Amino acid sequence: MSKKGRARGERPCPQVRVYGQERGVSSSERVFLVGRGKSRLYGFFAGRGTPRHYGFAFVLPQVFYVMLCTVNFAEKLHTRILEKNTRLCLGLDPRLEWHGSNLDIVEAHCLDVLERCAEFVACVKPNVAYYEAMGVEGMAMLERLCAAARVMGVPVILDAKRGDFPSTAEAYAKAWLMGVHAGSGLTMNPFLGFETIETFLTAARNHDGAVFVLVKTSNPGSKDIQDLETKHGTVAEVIAAHLAIQAQNGYGAVGAVVGATHATELEAWRKRLLNVVLLLPGLGAQGAKASDLAAAFDSNGLGAVASASRGIQYASRGADYAVAAREAAKALRDELNLALA
């Protein structure tokens, strides 16, 4: 942009190459860069109004090469499922105490696992609690990991299980579904009612993201509340019915968490949650088997991802952890595909 054409108050800005054409990025486009050093790729976000545009960039001298996209989360996820032939979600849940309480080692471990496993996963799901437990530095680490995933073209589901009354929900949605996290998925707790679900869904729809609402979770104690009977069915069934209404127009911003550990119930949940993307936690360390999950997918092999965390990230606690993680991810990817064959 020339000085003559630049709006008053704007400062010179970087150049970007969008689909092969260079242009300036004005300050009104709110450009954010997240990086970790010369040896790593950098995340890139640029947006003006709605829809927001974000993509990835390789940092080069004074020029950022970026790819922009505006498709919704479900479209991005399904595209990657088909392109990579994988329905596996990689959980990144680092245990600080397993790394001598060294944050640099934790971050290197997470990045190595992500990079080695990327070709075998449809998405990545960092559990926010593990990063919160590491304080401010842990949250900064989370931002860098999310940026790295976007660089690799891996959709991100932030496992934060947020949920509150509408005004606070708006703040949570702003933190986790907008800005640098626009286009991401977010898990949420519906305990405060449908109005809080609507708050998150509105933000997700406006920023090409998705909300994965807890319906039937993988932990044994889920039955204490989720299986309670009401005049409209169990608590879980009531939540599912509401989500199904929200997803009448096809796959989009509406997702649901249904534990892979409930294998005998998956066919029923798939029928109840038409057009809702299912996140199936519990694969691997929690005991769920890939061979039991075919009923959770639609007739095209889409509409769901199965998540494994410890079974991949900590497949080995030794120096070969990255190789072991890659092998574990590939094996689970192949097992899921075999189940759907």
Protein backbone atom coordinates (compact mmCIF):
# COMPACT_ATOMS: atom_id res chain seq x y z
CA MET A 1 0.00 0.00 0.00
CA SER A 2 1.44 3.37 -0.92
CA LYS A 3 1.82 6.22 1.56
CA LYS A 4 -0.82 8.13 -0.35
CA GLY A 5 -3.31 5.28 -0.04
CA ARG A 6 -2.58 4.46 3.59
CA ALA A 7 -5.21 5.45 6.12
CA ARG A 8 -4.20 8.11 8.64
CA GLY A 9 -2.53 6.64 11.68
CA GLU A 10 -1.54 3.36 10.01
CA ARG A 11 2.06 2.30 10.21
CA PRO A 12 3.98 0.42 7.50
CA CYS A 13 3.03 -3.23 7.48
CA PRO A 14 4.41 -6.54 6.26
CA GLN A 15 3.74 -7.93 2.84
CA VAL A 16 1.90 -11.19 2.41
CA ARG A 17 1.62 -13.50 -0.56
CA VAL A 18 -1.96 -14.72 -0.91
CA TYR A 19 -2.45 -17.33 -3.61
CA GLY A 20 0.66 -16.02 -5.34
CA GLN A 21 -0.20 -12.32 -5.18
CA GLU A 22 1.60 -9.91 -2.89
CA ARG A 23 -0.32 -7.26 -1.02
CA GLY A 24 0.02 -5.22 2.11
CA VAL A 25 -1.69 -6.09 5.37
CA SER A 26 -3.06 -3.01 7.09
CA SER A 27 -3.16 -2.60 10.86
CA SER A 28 -6.95 -2.87 10.70
CA GLU A 29 -6.57 -6.53 9.71
CA ARG A 30 -5.24 -7.40 13.15
CA VAL A 31 -2.25 -9.54 12.28
CA PHE A 32 -0.89 -11.82 14.97
CA LEU A 33 2.27 -13.89 14.83
CA VAL A 34 3.21 -16.62 17.25
CA GLY A 35 6.66 -18.15 17.10
CA ARG A 36 9.15 -20.23 19.00
CA GLY A 37 12.43 -19.66 17.25
CA LYS A 38 14.24 -19.99 13.98
CA SER A 39 13.96 -23.78 13.90
CA ARG A 40 10.17 -23.84 14.14
CA LEU A 41 7.36 -22.80 11.88
CA TYR A 42 5.32 -19.78 12.90
CA GLY A 43 1.56 -19.45 13.18
CA PHE A 44 -0.23 -16.65 11.35
CA PHE A 45 -3.63 -15.10 11.80
CA ALA A 46 -5.13 -12.21 9.90
CA GLY A 47 -8.73 -11.11 9.95
CA ARG A 48 -10.93 -8.27 8.83
CA GLY A 49 -14.56 -8.38 9.87
CA THR A 50 -16.47 -11.60 9.36
CA PRO A 51 -15.60 -14.19 8.25
CA ARG A 52 -12.19 -14.18 9.87
CA HIS A 53 -9.29 -15.40 7.78
CA TYR A 54 -6.47 -17.38 9.28
CA GLY A 55 -3.85 -19.60 7.83
CA PHE A 56 -0.22 -20.41 8.17
CA ALA A 57 3.03 -18.74 7.35
CA PHE A 58 6.67 -19.55 6.93
CA VAL A 59 8.68 -16.66 8.27
CA LEU A 60 11.01 -15.32 5.58
CA PRO A 61 12.81 -11.97 5.37
CA GLN A 62 10.08 -9.29 5.36
CA VAL A 63 7.58 -11.51 3.51
CA PHE A 64 4.98 -13.86 4.93
CA TYR A 65 3.70 -16.63 2.64
CA VAL A 66 0.19 -17.51 3.77
CA MET A 67 -2.72 -19.69 2.80
CA LEU A 68 -6.12 -18.34 3.84
CA CYS A 69 -9.32 -20.27 4.44
CA THR A 70 -12.86 -19.44 5.53
CA VAL A 71 -14.50 -22.88 5.66
CA ASN A 72 -16.18 -23.99 8.87
CA PHE A 73 -14.61 -26.41 11.32
CA ALA A 74 -16.54 -29.47 10.17
CA GLU A 75 -15.55 -28.86 6.55
CA LYS A 76 -11.89 -28.51 7.50
CA LEU A 77 -12.05 -31.65 9.63
CA HIS A 78 -13.80 -33.74 7.00
CA THR A 79 -11.46 -32.54 4.28
CA ARG A 80 -8.48 -33.64 6.33
CA ILE A 81 -10.11 -36.98 7.18
CA LEU A 82 -10.51 -37.71 3.48
CA GLU A 83 -7.14 -36.34 2.38
CA LYS A 84 -5.13 -38.12 5.07
CA ASN A 85 -7.45 -41.13 5.41
CA THR A 86 -7.49 -40.82 9.19
CA ARG A 87 -10.15 -40.46 11.87
CA LEU A 88 -7.74 -40.19 14.77
CA CYS A 89 -7.55 -37.21 17.14
CA LEU A 90 -4.21 -36.70 18.91
CA GLY A 91 -4.54 -35.63 22.53
CA LEU A 92 -1.63 -33.59 23.89
CA ASP A 93 -1.79 -33.78 27.68
CA PRO A 94 1.75 -33.18 29.00
CA ARG A 95 2.67 -34.24 32.54
CA LEU A 96 5.19 -31.72 33.84
CA GLU A 97 6.37 -34.06 36.59
CA TRP A 98 7.34 -36.68 33.99
CA HIS A 99 9.82 -34.22 32.48
CA GLY A 100 11.71 -33.12 35.57
CA SER A 101 9.49 -30.02 35.83
CA ASN A 102 11.44 -28.53 32.89
CA LEU A 103 9.09 -26.47 30.71
CA ASP A 104 11.46 -26.41 27.74
CA ILE A 105 11.63 -30.19 27.72
CA VAL A 106 7.83 -30.41 27.97
CA GLU A 107 7.37 -28.10 25.00
CA ALA A 108 9.97 -29.90 22.89
CA HIS A 109 8.27 -33.20 23.73
CA CYS A 110 4.83 -31.93 22.67
CA LEU A 111 6.13 -30.39 19.46
CA ASP A 112 8.11 -33.50 18.54
CA VAL A 113 5.06 -35.72 19.08
CA LEU A 114 2.84 -33.38 17.08
CA GLU A 115 5.29 -33.18 14.19
CA ARG A 116 5.93 -36.93 14.06
CA CYS A 117 2.23 -37.83 14.27
CA ALA A 118 0.70 -35.08 12.11
CA GLU A 119 0.33 -37.16 8.95
CA PHE A 120 -1.70 -39.79 10.83
CA VAL A 121 -4.15 -37.51 12.67
CA ALA A 122 -7.29 -35.64 11.64
CA CYS A 123 -7.00 -33.11 14.46
CA VAL A 124 -5.19 -32.37 17.71
CA LYS A 125 -6.79 -31.89 21.14
CA PRO A 126 -4.67 -30.25 23.84
CA ASN A 127 -6.25 -30.55 27.28
CA VAL A 128 -6.06 -26.98 28.59
CA ALA A 129 -5.87 -28.07 32.25
CA TYR A 130 -2.35 -29.45 31.86
CA TYR A 131 -1.12 -26.14 30.45
CA GLU A 132 -2.97 -24.07 33.06
CA ALA A 133 -1.22 -26.15 35.72
CA MET A 134 2.11 -24.87 34.38
CA GLY A 135 1.11 -21.24 34.92
CA VAL A 136 1.61 -18.34 32.52
CA GLU A 137 4.48 -20.11 30.78
CA GLY A 138 2.25 -23.14 30.23
CA MET A 139 -0.47 -21.05 28.61
CA ALA A 140 2.11 -19.42 26.34
CA MET A 141 3.28 -22.91 25.43
CA LEU A 142 -0.29 -23.87 24.55
CA GLU A 143 -0.56 -20.89 22.19
CA ARG A 144 2.64 -21.92 20.43
CA LEU A 145 1.49 -25.53 20.10
CA CYS A 146 -1.82 -24.41 18.60
CA ALA A 147 0.04 -22.16 16.18
CA ALA A 148 2.32 -25.03 15.18
CA ALA A 149 -0.68 -27.29 14.55
CA ARG A 150 -2.25 -24.67 12.29
CA VAL A 151 1.01 -24.34 10.40
CA MET A 152 0.79 -28.07 9.72
CA GLY A 153 -2.85 -27.78 8.66
CA VAL A 154 -4.07 -29.80 11.66
CA PRO A 155 -7.43 -28.58 13.08
CA VAL A 156 -7.34 -27.80 16.81
CA ILE A 157 -9.91 -28.80 19.43
CA LEU A 158 -9.26 -27.02 22.71
CA ASP A 159 -10.33 -29.36 25.51
CA ALA A 160 -11.26 -26.74 28.09
CA LYS A 161 -14.81 -27.86 29.05
CA ARG A 162 -15.92 -24.27 29.60
CA GLY A 163 -19.48 -23.34 30.54
CA ASP A 164 -21.17 -20.54 32.48
CA PHE A 165 -24.14 -18.17 32.39
CA PRO A 166 -24.33 -16.06 29.21
CA SER A 167 -22.28 -12.97 30.14
CA THR A 168 -19.38 -15.06 31.41
CA ALA A 169 -19.83 -17.53 28.57
CA GLU A 170 -19.31 -14.63 26.16
CA ALA A 171 -15.93 -13.97 27.77
CA TYR A 172 -14.97 -17.64 27.54
CA ALA A 173 -16.07 -17.72 23.91
CA LYS A 174 -14.02 -14.63 23.14
CA ALA A 175 -10.96 -16.23 24.72
CA TRP A 176 -11.23 -19.64 23.05
CA LEU A 177 -13.21 -19.22 19.81
CA MET A 178 -12.09 -15.80 18.55
CA GLY A 179 -8.82 -13.99 17.86
CA VAL A 180 -5.93 -16.39 17.42
CA HIS A 181 -8.28 -19.29 18.20
CA ALA A 182 -10.84 -18.45 15.50
CA GLY A 183 -11.57 -21.60 13.54
CA SER A 184 -10.86 -23.90 16.49
CA GLY A 185 -13.10 -26.36 18.27
CA LEU A 186 -13.85 -26.06 21.99
CA THR A 187 -15.30 -28.57 24.45
CA MET A 188 -17.99 -27.19 26.75
CA ASN A 189 -20.02 -28.23 29.77
CA PRO A 190 -23.80 -27.72 29.34
CA PHE A 191 -24.69 -28.00 33.04
CA LEU A 192 -25.86 -24.36 33.24
CA GLY A 193 -28.47 -24.88 30.54
CA PHE A 194 -29.19 -24.41 26.87
CA GLU A 195 -28.74 -20.63 26.94
CA THR A 196 -25.04 -21.00 27.62
CA ILE A 197 -24.74 -23.49 24.73
CA GLU A 198 -26.26 -20.86 22.44
CA THR A 199 -23.67 -18.30 23.50
CA PHE A 200 -20.79 -20.59 22.53
CA LEU A 201 -22.48 -21.75 19.33
CA THR A 202 -23.03 -18.17 18.16
CA ALA A 203 -19.34 -17.41 18.58
CA ALA A 204 -18.34 -20.65 16.86
CA ARG A 205 -20.60 -19.99 13.89
CA ASN A 206 -19.39 -16.43 13.49
CA HIS A 207 -15.73 -17.47 13.61
CA ASP A 208 -15.74 -20.77 11.71
CA GLY A 209 -15.23 -22.85 14.83
CA ALA A 210 -17.11 -25.62 16.61
CA VAL A 211 -18.42 -26.42 20.07
CA PHE A 212 -18.20 -29.99 21.37
CA VAL A 213 -20.80 -30.29 24.11
CA LEU A 214 -20.41 -32.95 26.79
CA VAL A 215 -23.20 -35.50 26.27
CA LYS A 216 -22.03 -38.94 27.43
CA THR A 217 -18.48 -38.77 28.72
CA SER A 218 -15.96 -41.61 28.89
CA ASN A 219 -15.43 -41.71 32.67
CA PRO A 220 -17.25 -44.44 34.66
CA GLY A 221 -18.87 -41.85 36.93
CA SER A 222 -20.66 -40.17 34.02
CA LYS A 223 -23.74 -42.25 34.82
CA ASP A 224 -24.22 -40.40 38.12
CA ILE A 225 -25.73 -37.41 36.32
CA GLN A 226 -25.85 -38.16 32.59
CA ASP A 227 -27.99 -41.30 33.02
CA LEU A 228 -30.55 -39.71 35.35
CA GLU A 229 -34.07 -40.06 33.98
CA THR A 230 -36.28 -37.07 33.19
CA LYS A 231 -39.72 -37.00 31.58
CA HIS A 232 -37.95 -36.47 28.24
CA GLY A 233 -35.35 -39.23 28.62
CA THR A 234 -31.99 -39.28 30.35
CA VAL A 235 -30.07 -36.05 30.91
CA ALA A 236 -27.65 -37.06 28.14
CA GLU A 237 -30.54 -37.74 25.74
CA VAL A 238 -32.11 -34.36 26.47
CA ILE A 239 -28.84 -32.59 25.65
CA ALA A 240 -28.44 -34.67 22.49
CA ALA A 241 -31.96 -33.79 21.32
CA HIS A 242 -31.19 -30.09 21.68
CA LEU A 243 -27.95 -30.42 19.72
CA ALA A 244 -29.68 -32.36 16.95
CA ILE A 245 -32.10 -29.46 16.47
CA GLN A 246 -29.20 -27.03 16.28
CA ALA A 247 -27.55 -29.16 13.57
CA GLN A 248 -30.56 -29.62 11.28
CA ASN A 249 -28.81 -27.89 8.38
CA GLY A 250 -25.89 -30.31 8.23
CA TYR A 251 -22.45 -30.62 9.77
CA GLY A 252 -21.10 -27.30 11.00
CA ALA A 253 -20.40 -25.76 14.39
CA VAL A 254 -22.24 -28.35 16.50
CA GLY A 255 -20.27 -31.17 18.06
CA ALA A 256 -20.80 -33.61 20.91
CA VAL A 257 -18.52 -35.53 23.25
CA VAL A 258 -19.53 -39.18 23.46
CA GLY A 259 -17.09 -41.55 25.14
CA ALA A 260 -15.55 -44.26 23.00
CA THR A 261 -15.81 -46.39 26.14
CA HIS A 262 -19.57 -46.72 25.53
CA ALA A 263 -19.16 -48.91 22.46
CA THR A 264 -22.54 -50.64 22.67
CA GLU A 265 -24.34 -47.27 22.74
CA LEU A 266 -22.58 -45.62 19.80
CA GLU A 267 -25.10 -46.65 17.14
CA ALA A 268 -27.91 -45.08 19.15
CA TRP A 269 -25.94 -41.88 19.74
CA ARG A 270 -25.12 -41.62 16.03
CA LYS A 271 -28.83 -41.81 15.20
CA ARG A 272 -29.75 -39.22 17.84
CA LEU A 273 -26.98 -36.86 16.77
CA LEU A 274 -27.39 -36.66 13.02
CA ASN A 275 -25.20 -33.91 11.48
CA VAL A 276 -23.34 -33.51 14.77
CA VAL A 277 -19.59 -34.22 14.75
CA LEU A 278 -18.79 -36.70 17.51
CA LEU A 279 -15.61 -36.48 19.57
CA LEU A 280 -14.93 -39.95 20.98
CA PRO A 281 -12.42 -39.79 23.86
CA GLY A 282 -11.14 -42.88 25.63
CA LEU A 283 -9.27 -44.72 22.87
CA GLY A 284 -6.20 -46.53 24.15
CA ALA A 285 -5.30 -45.90 27.79
CA GLN A 286 -8.95 -45.67 28.92
CA GLY A 287 -9.72 -49.04 27.39
CA ALA A 288 -11.77 -48.29 24.27
CA LYS A 289 -10.89 -50.29 21.15
CA ALA A 290 -10.81 -48.89 17.62
CA SER A 291 -12.50 -52.05 16.34
CA ASP A 292 -15.65 -51.19 18.35
CA LEU A 293 -16.17 -47.65 17.04
CA ALA A 294 -17.49 -48.06 13.49
CA ALA A 295 -21.08 -47.34 14.54
CA ALA A 296 -20.12 -43.79 15.58
CA PHE A 297 -19.39 -42.76 11.97
CA ASP A 298 -21.87 -41.91 9.24
CA SER A 299 -22.26 -43.92 6.03
CA ASN A 300 -19.40 -41.98 4.43
CA GLY A 301 -16.98 -42.69 7.25
CA LEU A 302 -17.26 -39.10 8.47
CA GLY A 303 -18.91 -37.29 11.36
CA ALA A 304 -16.61 -38.47 14.14
CA VAL A 305 -13.02 -38.62 15.40
CA ALA A 306 -11.65 -40.94 18.08
CA SER A 307 -9.22 -39.41 20.55
CA ALA A 308 -6.17 -40.97 22.16
CA SER A 309 -3.78 -39.06 24.43
CA ARG A 310 -1.49 -41.00 26.76
CA GLY A 311 -1.48 -44.01 24.48
CA ILE A 312 0.24 -41.94 21.81
CA GLN A 313 2.07 -39.11 23.55
CA TYR A 314 3.54 -41.41 26.18
CA ALA A 315 3.73 -44.63 24.18
CA SER A 316 7.32 -44.55 25.40
CA ARG A 317 8.85 -42.66 28.31
CA GLY A 318 12.32 -43.15 26.87
CA ALA A 319 14.47 -41.31 24.33
CA ASP A 320 12.53 -42.96 21.50
CA TYR A 321 9.26 -41.25 22.55
CA ALA A 322 8.72 -39.48 19.23
CA VAL A 323 9.23 -42.63 17.17
CA ALA A 324 7.00 -44.61 19.54
CA ALA A 325 4.30 -41.94 19.34
CA ARG A 326 4.39 -42.01 15.55
CA GLU A 327 4.10 -45.80 15.50
CA ALA A 328 1.21 -45.71 17.99
CA ALA A 329 -0.64 -43.07 15.98
CA LYS A 330 -0.18 -45.00 12.75
CA ALA A 331 -1.39 -48.21 14.37
CA LEU A 332 -4.53 -46.55 15.77
CA ARG A 333 -5.18 -44.83 12.44
CA ASP A 334 -4.99 -48.19 10.67
CA GLU A 335 -7.20 -49.91 13.26
CA LEU A 336 -9.90 -47.26 12.86
CA ASN A 337 -9.79 -47.57 9.09
CA LEU A 338 -9.97 -51.35 9.30
CA ALA A 339 -13.04 -51.09 11.52
CA LEU A 340 -14.75 -49.03 8.82
CA ALA A 341 -13.63 -51.16 5.89
